[in-house]
């Protein structure tokens, strides 16, 4: 188990990681999810021993490793910006951590070729990294991390430079590989969809703080605050400030949305209501009330779906609609919000009411 106890990171008087507690089990897949500069890489560098915390301590399997250098830890780390040895062949790059450990040649050859096959590198084993594409170089760095068989594997947005098909394959295969080894697997990403595809656990980060940690699907479905809900939304979370008044959420005294059963216990008064872009549509879902009249700002076609930006009162929302919808700006549309998936947050930003 990796335990971070009240650790923080301060650089030049600026706090990069606020006091944080986090415990990661062996054999677990853990996603660090947050926008750029939220603290994902800083947290990983502390886990690896590349940086020393300003306060707190880090323990691995019960031993305090706070001051232990990364070279003395069983850690493998892969960055988005790949790092390889330019004078070595792909084969030798992948084999390097096993040679350092003193593995025999037969074991090295078997594991190198196994990792190369998984990452579609077999035809390139005799090439040097400078004769590879960026994606092939990244795969070489990933293969080296796989054969290292480390206790802690840190992947910092490692698939960003790969083509779509290979990225999807590796998202499925990598967790299986590292989980089978009993390693602690930590994967940083800015993409909520990637966190959901990977599963496991997710730590949502914002401005150097972990706002929530738990099973990925639970963090997505039951965010503890609006910051976490926004971190786990792409396109952005749709929100609107309303009043809870009996069976309706109202705006200037007029009913806007019906209160679903899971939010019936919310006290009357001001709150922020939120919903995901795929929970607003042209079709009336079961349990939703009357349509809302919205005005379009722009319509973006993305293959088999469209992102339709609309305005309602002072709110600006995004609707993720299946199919192609080429809608002119300033058009008035009728849309429905699926109230079964509404979230509500109090004036302090904390979640209120139950969950759908």
Protein backbone atom coordinates (compact mmCIF):
# COMPACT_ATOMS: atom_id res chain seq x y z
CA UNK A 1 0.00 0.00 0.00
CA UNK A 2 1.10 3.55 -0.77
CA UNK A 3 0.06 6.05 1.90
CA UNK A 4 0.46 9.80 1.65
CA UNK A 5 -0.05 11.37 5.06
CA UNK A 6 -0.74 15.10 5.17
CA UNK A 7 1.79 15.74 2.40
CA UNK A 8 2.16 19.11 0.69
CA UNK A 9 4.39 20.62 -1.97
CA UNK A 10 5.55 24.24 -1.99
CA UNK A 11 7.72 25.74 -4.73
CA UNK A 12 9.10 29.26 -4.35
CA UNK A 13 6.50 30.09 -1.73
CA UNK A 14 3.67 28.90 -3.99
CA UNK A 15 1.64 25.89 -2.87
CA UNK A 16 1.38 23.28 -5.63
CA UNK A 17 -0.16 20.55 -3.45
CA UNK A 18 -2.18 21.46 -0.36
CA UNK A 19 -2.03 19.06 2.64
CA UNK A 20 -3.28 15.75 1.24
CA UNK A 21 -4.06 12.28 2.53
CA UNK A 22 -4.35 9.39 0.11
CA UNK A 23 -4.04 5.60 0.39
CA UNK A 24 -3.65 3.35 -2.68
CA UNK A 25 -3.89 -0.45 -2.46
CA UNK A 26 -1.63 -2.93 -4.24
CA UNK A 27 -3.09 -4.24 -7.47
CA UNK A 28 -5.33 -1.18 -7.79
CA UNK A 29 -5.89 1.13 -10.73
CA UNK A 30 -6.07 4.77 -9.66
CA UNK A 31 -6.84 7.70 -11.95
CA UNK A 32 -5.77 11.26 -11.19
CA UNK A 33 -8.34 13.39 -13.01
CA UNK A 34 -8.11 17.15 -13.37
CA UNK A 35 -7.42 20.01 -15.75
CA UNK A 36 -3.94 21.23 -16.60
CA UNK A 37 -2.16 22.68 -13.52
CA UNK A 38 -4.52 20.92 -11.10
CA UNK A 39 -1.58 19.11 -9.46
CA UNK A 40 -1.54 15.68 -11.14
CA UNK A 41 2.14 15.67 -12.12
CA UNK A 42 3.19 17.28 -8.83
CA UNK A 43 1.39 14.53 -6.91
CA UNK A 44 3.02 11.84 -9.04
CA UNK A 45 6.49 13.28 -8.51
CA UNK A 46 5.91 13.12 -4.76
CA UNK A 47 4.74 9.51 -5.04
CA UNK A 48 7.83 8.59 -7.06
CA UNK A 49 10.33 10.31 -4.78
CA UNK A 50 11.43 12.77 -7.45
CA UNK A 51 10.37 15.60 -5.11
CA UNK A 52 10.34 15.77 -1.33
CA UNK A 53 7.17 17.03 0.34
CA UNK A 54 7.23 20.31 2.25
CA UNK A 55 5.29 18.56 5.02
CA UNK A 56 3.91 15.13 5.83
CA UNK A 57 5.24 11.67 5.02
CA UNK A 58 4.96 8.93 2.39
CA UNK A 59 4.82 5.25 3.31
CA UNK A 60 5.06 2.13 1.15
CA UNK A 61 3.97 -1.19 2.66
CA UNK A 62 4.34 0.39 6.09
CA UNK A 63 7.88 1.72 5.61
CA UNK A 64 8.52 5.47 5.64
CA UNK A 65 10.05 6.30 2.23
CA UNK A 66 9.74 10.09 2.45
CA UNK A 67 13.45 10.72 2.04
CA UNK A 68 14.28 7.72 -0.13
CA UNK A 69 15.56 8.63 -3.61
CA UNK A 70 13.64 7.45 -6.65
CA UNK A 71 16.61 5.28 -7.72
CA UNK A 72 16.15 3.24 -4.54
CA UNK A 73 12.43 2.70 -5.07
CA UNK A 74 10.63 0.20 -7.28
CA UNK A 75 8.98 2.83 -9.50
CA UNK A 76 8.28 3.08 -13.23
CA UNK A 77 7.11 6.38 -14.68
CA UNK A 78 6.01 7.32 -18.20
CA UNK A 79 5.34 10.91 -19.20
CA UNK A 80 3.31 12.30 -22.07
CA UNK A 81 6.63 13.61 -23.39
CA UNK A 82 8.37 10.27 -23.88
CA UNK A 83 11.94 9.69 -22.72
CA UNK A 84 14.14 7.08 -24.44
CA UNK A 85 17.88 6.44 -24.81
CA UNK A 86 18.65 7.79 -28.33
CA UNK A 87 21.80 5.71 -28.92
CA UNK A 88 20.10 2.40 -28.05
CA UNK A 89 17.85 0.29 -30.25
CA UNK A 90 14.21 -0.13 -29.31
CA UNK A 91 15.06 -3.64 -28.07
CA UNK A 92 17.82 -2.32 -25.79
CA UNK A 93 15.65 0.56 -24.57
CA UNK A 94 12.96 -1.87 -23.47
CA UNK A 95 15.49 -4.31 -21.99
CA UNK A 96 17.45 -1.69 -20.01
CA UNK A 97 15.61 -1.95 -16.64
CA UNK A 98 15.82 -5.74 -16.69
CA UNK A 99 19.56 -5.63 -17.41
CA UNK A 100 20.07 -3.24 -14.52
CA UNK A 101 18.32 -5.80 -12.28
CA UNK A 102 20.61 -8.55 -13.59
CA UNK A 103 17.98 -10.67 -15.35
CA UNK A 104 19.27 -13.50 -17.56
CA UNK A 105 19.27 -13.10 -21.34
CA UNK A 106 16.48 -15.63 -21.95
CA UNK A 107 14.14 -13.84 -19.52
CA UNK A 108 15.01 -10.46 -21.02
CA UNK A 109 14.36 -11.66 -24.55
CA UNK A 110 11.04 -13.24 -23.63
CA UNK A 111 9.71 -10.19 -21.77
CA UNK A 112 10.97 -7.66 -24.32
CA UNK A 113 9.31 -9.50 -27.21
CA UNK A 114 6.11 -9.95 -25.22
CA UNK A 115 5.88 -6.21 -24.46
CA UNK A 116 6.85 -5.34 -28.04
CA UNK A 117 4.07 -7.52 -29.42
CA UNK A 118 1.49 -5.92 -27.13
CA UNK A 119 2.55 -2.43 -28.17
CA UNK A 120 2.92 -3.22 -31.89
CA UNK A 121 6.70 -2.63 -31.80
CA UNK A 122 8.02 -5.96 -33.07
CA UNK A 123 8.98 -4.63 -36.56
CA UNK A 124 10.97 -1.79 -35.00
CA UNK A 125 13.10 -3.57 -32.37
CA UNK A 126 16.34 -2.99 -34.32
CA UNK A 127 15.71 0.73 -34.92
CA UNK A 128 16.86 3.60 -32.74
CA UNK A 129 14.24 6.00 -31.31
CA UNK A 130 15.23 8.81 -33.68
CA UNK A 131 14.04 6.62 -36.56
CA UNK A 132 10.58 6.19 -35.04
CA UNK A 133 7.43 8.29 -35.09
CA UNK A 134 6.37 10.09 -31.91
CA UNK A 135 3.74 7.45 -31.21
CA UNK A 136 6.26 4.63 -31.64
CA UNK A 137 8.68 6.35 -29.26
CA UNK A 138 5.90 6.67 -26.68
CA UNK A 139 5.10 2.99 -27.04
CA UNK A 140 8.78 2.19 -26.47
CA UNK A 141 8.69 4.10 -23.17
CA UNK A 142 5.50 2.24 -22.19
CA UNK A 143 7.08 -1.13 -23.01
CA UNK A 144 10.08 -0.29 -20.82
CA UNK A 145 7.73 0.47 -17.92
CA UNK A 146 5.91 -2.84 -18.44
CA UNK A 147 9.03 -5.03 -18.31
CA UNK A 148 10.43 -3.19 -15.28
CA UNK A 149 7.81 -4.96 -13.15
CA UNK A 150 7.81 -2.11 -10.63
CA UNK A 151 5.71 -1.92 -7.45
CA UNK A 152 4.47 1.55 -8.38
CA UNK A 153 3.67 2.47 -12.00
CA UNK A 154 2.98 6.14 -12.75
CA UNK A 155 1.61 7.07 -16.17
CA UNK A 156 1.27 10.80 -16.80
CA UNK A 157 -1.11 11.21 -19.77
CA UNK A 158 0.85 8.47 -21.59
CA UNK A 159 -1.55 7.84 -24.47
CA UNK A 160 -2.04 11.42 -25.63
CA UNK A 161 0.34 11.05 -28.59
CA UNK A 162 -1.05 7.74 -29.88
CA UNK A 163 -3.59 7.19 -32.64
CA UNK A 164 -7.19 6.54 -31.65
CA UNK A 165 -7.31 2.79 -32.33
CA UNK A 166 -4.15 1.96 -30.39
CA UNK A 167 -5.17 4.30 -27.58
CA UNK A 168 -8.46 2.43 -27.16
CA UNK A 169 -6.69 -0.95 -27.18
CA UNK A 170 -4.15 0.12 -24.56
CA UNK A 171 -6.79 1.66 -22.32
CA UNK A 172 -8.23 -1.83 -22.08
CA UNK A 173 -4.98 -3.80 -21.84
CA UNK A 174 -2.73 -1.68 -19.60
CA UNK A 175 -4.82 -1.96 -16.41
CA UNK A 176 -4.92 -5.75 -16.80
CA UNK A 177 -1.14 -5.95 -17.24
CA UNK A 178 -0.24 -3.91 -14.20
CA UNK A 179 -3.03 -5.26 -11.97
CA UNK A 180 -1.86 -8.81 -12.64
CA UNK A 181 1.61 -7.83 -11.40
CA UNK A 182 0.22 -6.60 -8.07
CA UNK A 183 1.59 -3.12 -8.76
CA UNK A 184 -0.09 0.12 -7.77
CA UNK A 185 -1.13 1.70 -11.04
CA UNK A 186 -1.62 5.50 -11.16
CA UNK A 187 -2.80 7.11 -14.37
CA UNK A 188 -3.13 10.88 -14.85
CA UNK A 189 -5.55 12.33 -17.38
CA UNK A 190 -7.48 15.50 -18.16
CA UNK A 191 -10.27 13.52 -19.85
CA UNK A 192 -13.32 12.37 -17.82
CA UNK A 193 -14.19 9.87 -20.56
CA UNK A 194 -10.76 8.25 -20.16
CA UNK A 195 -11.26 7.92 -16.40
CA UNK A 196 -14.62 6.23 -16.97
CA UNK A 197 -13.14 3.85 -19.56
CA UNK A 198 -10.28 2.88 -17.23
CA UNK A 199 -12.57 2.40 -14.21
CA UNK A 200 -10.88 1.55 -10.90
CA UNK A 201 -10.64 4.50 -8.51
CA UNK A 202 -10.47 8.19 -9.30
CA UNK A 203 -9.04 11.12 -7.37
CA UNK A 204 -10.55 14.35 -8.70
CA UNK A 205 -8.05 17.23 -8.45
CA UNK A 206 -8.56 20.98 -8.52
CA UNK A 207 -5.93 23.64 -7.80
CA UNK A 208 -3.66 21.29 -5.86
CA UNK A 209 -6.41 19.65 -3.81
CA UNK A 210 -8.03 16.22 -4.02
CA UNK A 211 -11.72 17.08 -3.87
CA UNK A 212 -12.91 13.46 -3.84
CA UNK A 213 -11.46 9.95 -4.04
CA UNK A 214 -13.35 6.69 -4.54
CA UNK A 215 -14.60 4.23 -7.12
CA UNK A 216 -14.58 6.02 -10.46
CA UNK A 217 -18.27 5.43 -11.17
CA UNK A 218 -19.22 6.65 -7.68
CA UNK A 219 -17.23 9.87 -8.01
CA UNK A 220 -18.89 10.47 -11.39
CA UNK A 221 -22.43 9.72 -10.23
CA UNK A 222 -22.21 11.12 -6.71
CA UNK A 223 -19.82 14.09 -6.61
CA UNK A 224 -19.52 15.56 -3.13
CA UNK A 225 -19.32 19.13 -4.43
CA UNK A 226 -19.76 21.17 -7.58
CA UNK A 227 -15.99 21.42 -8.14
CA UNK A 228 -15.78 17.62 -8.46
CA UNK A 229 -18.86 17.53 -10.67
CA UNK A 230 -17.25 20.08 -13.00
CA UNK A 231 -13.97 18.16 -13.03
CA UNK A 232 -15.88 15.08 -14.15
CA UNK A 233 -17.77 16.77 -17.01
CA UNK A 234 -16.69 17.10 -20.64
CA UNK A 235 -18.35 18.99 -22.31
CA UNK A 236 -18.68 21.33 -19.32
CA UNK A 237 -21.31 20.74 -16.65
CA UNK A 238 -24.56 22.61 -17.19
CA UNK A 239 -25.60 24.69 -14.17
CA UNK A 240 -28.24 27.25 -13.22
CA UNK A 241 -29.01 29.11 -9.99
CA UNK A 242 -32.60 28.37 -8.95
CA UNK A 243 -34.87 28.39 -5.90
CA UNK A 244 -36.21 25.15 -4.47
CA UNK A 245 -39.91 25.77 -3.77
CA UNK A 246 -41.89 22.68 -2.92
CA UNK A 247 -42.16 20.39 -5.93
CA UNK A 248 -40.33 22.71 -8.33
CA UNK A 249 -37.07 24.54 -8.88
CA UNK A 250 -38.09 28.06 -9.81
CA UNK A 251 -36.62 31.18 -11.40
CA UNK A 252 -38.12 34.53 -10.44
CA UNK A 253 -41.10 32.68 -9.00
CA UNK A 254 -41.82 30.65 -12.14
CA UNK A 255 -41.40 26.86 -12.24
CA UNK A 256 -38.44 25.75 -14.35
CA UNK A 257 -37.79 22.11 -13.44
CA UNK A 258 -39.77 19.60 -11.42
CA UNK A 259 -38.02 18.25 -8.32
CA UNK A 260 -37.18 14.55 -8.81
CA UNK A 261 -37.71 12.08 -5.92
CA UNK A 262 -34.00 11.87 -5.07
CA UNK A 263 -33.94 15.64 -4.38
CA UNK A 264 -37.28 15.82 -2.56
CA UNK A 265 -35.56 16.21 0.83
CA UNK A 266 -33.67 19.36 -0.26
CA UNK A 267 -34.82 22.30 1.84
CA UNK A 268 -36.61 25.16 0.13
CA UNK A 269 -34.27 27.99 -0.76
CA UNK A 270 -31.49 28.95 -3.19
CA UNK A 271 -29.33 26.26 -4.77
CA UNK A 272 -27.39 25.46 -7.92
CA UNK A 273 -28.94 22.78 -10.11
CA UNK A 274 -26.62 20.89 -12.45
CA UNK A 275 -26.85 18.23 -15.15
CA UNK A 276 -24.60 16.63 -17.76
CA UNK A 277 -24.77 17.68 -21.45
CA UNK A 278 -26.25 14.31 -22.47
CA UNK A 279 -29.15 14.81 -20.04
CA UNK A 280 -30.69 17.62 -22.08
CA UNK A 281 -32.35 16.64 -25.35
CA UNK A 282 -35.01 17.34 -27.95
CA UNK A 283 -37.01 14.30 -26.81
CA UNK A 284 -39.01 14.16 -23.60
CA UNK A 285 -37.60 11.51 -21.25
CA UNK A 286 -39.75 9.77 -18.66
CA UNK A 287 -40.23 11.85 -15.55
CA UNK A 288 -39.42 15.22 -17.12
CA UNK A 289 -41.82 18.12 -17.09
CA UNK A 290 -42.61 20.78 -19.63
CA UNK A 291 -40.10 21.80 -22.30
CA UNK A 292 -37.80 24.77 -21.86
CA UNK A 293 -37.46 27.43 -24.55
CA UNK A 294 -33.77 28.05 -25.24
CA UNK A 295 -31.90 30.10 -27.83
CA UNK A 296 -28.98 28.64 -29.77
CA UNK A 297 -25.57 30.26 -29.77
CA UNK A 298 -23.69 27.81 -31.98
CA UNK A 299 -23.99 24.24 -33.23
CA UNK A 300 -20.85 22.08 -33.55
CA UNK A 301 -21.06 18.86 -35.57
CA UNK A 302 -18.67 16.15 -34.38
CA UNK A 303 -19.18 13.10 -36.57
CA UNK A 304 -22.23 11.19 -35.36
CA UNK A 305 -23.15 13.73 -32.67
CA UNK A 306 -23.57 17.46 -32.26
CA UNK A 307 -22.69 19.91 -29.49
CA UNK A 308 -25.44 22.53 -29.38
CA UNK A 309 -24.67 25.58 -27.25
CA UNK A 310 -27.84 27.22 -25.94
CA UNK A 311 -28.87 29.98 -23.59
CA UNK A 312 -31.59 29.87 -20.97
CA UNK A 313 -32.10 32.99 -18.82
CA UNK A 314 -28.55 33.89 -17.73
CA UNK A 315 -27.29 30.32 -18.04
CA UNK A 316 -25.25 28.93 -20.92
CA UNK A 317 -25.61 25.21 -21.55
CA UNK A 318 -24.23 22.58 -23.91
CA UNK A 319 -26.49 19.84 -25.27
CA UNK A 320 -24.85 16.67 -26.56
CA UNK A 321 -27.29 15.39 -29.17
CA UNK A 322 -26.92 12.24 -31.29
CA UNK A 323 -26.94 12.83 -35.03
CA UNK A 324 -26.16 15.88 -37.16
CA UNK A 325 -27.92 19.10 -36.15
CA UNK A 326 -26.95 22.15 -38.19
CA UNK A 327 -28.90 24.84 -36.33
CA UNK A 328 -28.63 28.54 -37.06
CA UNK A 329 -27.59 30.93 -34.24
CA UNK A 330 -30.41 32.70 -32.36
CA UNK A 331 -32.92 29.99 -33.22
CA UNK A 332 -35.47 29.25 -30.50
CA UNK A 333 -35.71 25.57 -29.57
CA UNK A 334 -37.73 23.46 -27.16
CA UNK A 335 -35.61 21.09 -25.08
CA UNK A 336 -36.13 18.78 -22.14
CA UNK A 337 -33.91 18.23 -19.11
CA UNK A 338 -33.94 14.69 -17.72
CA UNK A 339 -34.66 15.50 -14.08
CA UNK A 340 -33.86 11.94 -13.02
CA UNK A 341 -30.19 12.89 -13.28
CA UNK A 342 -30.26 16.34 -11.69
CA UNK A 343 -27.68 17.28 -9.08
CA UNK A 344 -28.18 20.03 -6.52
CA UNK A 345 -25.56 22.02 -4.62
CA UNK A 346 -25.98 24.40 -1.72
CA UNK A 347 -24.59 27.96 -1.46
CA UNK A 348 -21.31 26.46 -0.14
CA UNK A 349 -20.95 24.29 -3.26
CA UNK A 350 -21.52 21.02 -1.37
CA UNK A 351 -23.91 18.42 -2.77
CA UNK A 352 -27.36 18.34 -1.18
CA UNK A 353 -30.16 15.82 -1.40
CA UNK A 354 -29.88 12.19 -2.45
CA UNK A 355 -28.56 10.57 -5.62
CA UNK A 356 -30.38 9.31 -8.65
